[in-house]
Amino acid sequence: MSVAGLCLALGLPTYQMAALANLAGGLVCEHLGVVSIDRGRLFQEAIANKLFV
């Protein structure tokens, strides 16, 4: 939700907001408990998944 809120505040398109929030959620689910995600890892994954063209 925090990634979606940040994307909304930045004025990103809805499809990009949903894609980044989904990607962040997937990264969080790789760990047990409540964790924060590393922005570098999120950026690398977004580039690898071609979310930024």
Protein backbone atom coordinates (compact mmCIF):
# COMPACT_ATOMS: atom_id res chain seq x y z
CA MET A 1 0.00 0.00 0.00
CA SER A 2 2.84 2.38 0.71
CA VAL A 3 4.23 1.94 -2.80
CA ALA A 4 0.79 2.58 -4.28
CA GLY A 5 0.42 5.71 -2.15
CA LEU A 6 3.82 6.98 -3.21
CA CYS A 7 3.03 6.35 -6.87
CA LEU A 8 -0.28 8.16 -6.48
CA ALA A 9 1.47 11.13 -4.86
CA LEU A 10 3.95 11.20 -7.74
CA GLY A 11 1.14 11.23 -10.28
CA LEU A 12 2.15 8.00 -12.02
CA PRO A 13 -0.37 6.36 -14.33
CA THR A 14 -2.69 3.84 -12.70
CA TYR A 15 -1.27 0.88 -14.61
CA GLN A 16 2.26 1.72 -13.48
CA MET A 17 1.11 2.25 -9.89
CA ALA A 18 -0.58 -1.16 -9.87
CA ALA A 19 2.43 -2.87 -11.43
CA LEU A 20 4.92 -1.38 -8.97
CA ALA A 21 2.71 -2.07 -5.95
CA ASN A 22 2.22 -5.67 -7.10
CA LEU A 23 5.96 -6.08 -7.61
CA ALA A 24 6.66 -4.66 -4.14
CA GLY A 25 4.09 -7.00 -2.62
CA GLY A 26 5.80 -9.94 -4.25
CA LEU A 27 9.16 -8.89 -2.83
CA VAL A 28 7.68 -8.59 0.66
CA CYS A 29 6.17 -12.07 0.42
CA GLU A 30 9.64 -13.55 -0.03
CA HIS A 31 10.29 -12.98 3.69
CA LEU A 32 8.68 -14.01 6.96
CA GLY A 33 7.05 -11.36 9.10
CA VAL A 34 6.78 -7.66 8.48
CA VAL A 35 9.67 -6.36 6.40
CA SER A 36 10.47 -3.31 4.38
CA ILE A 37 11.70 -3.66 0.84
CA ASP A 38 14.97 -2.36 -0.47
CA ARG A 39 14.39 0.42 -2.99
CA GLY A 40 17.39 -0.69 -5.03
CA ARG A 41 15.96 -4.19 -5.34
CA LEU A 42 12.55 -2.79 -6.28
CA PHE A 43 14.19 -0.60 -8.92
CA GLN A 44 16.18 -3.55 -10.33
CA GLU A 45 13.06 -5.71 -10.50
CA ALA A 46 11.08 -2.91 -12.14
CA ILE A 47 13.78 -2.50 -14.81
CA ALA A 48 13.99 -6.28 -15.32
CA ASN A 49 10.21 -6.44 -15.76
CA LYS A 50 10.26 -3.45 -18.12
CA LEU A 51 7.93 -1.32 -15.98
CA PHE A 52 9.87 1.78 -17.00
CA VAL A 53 10.17 2.25 -20.71
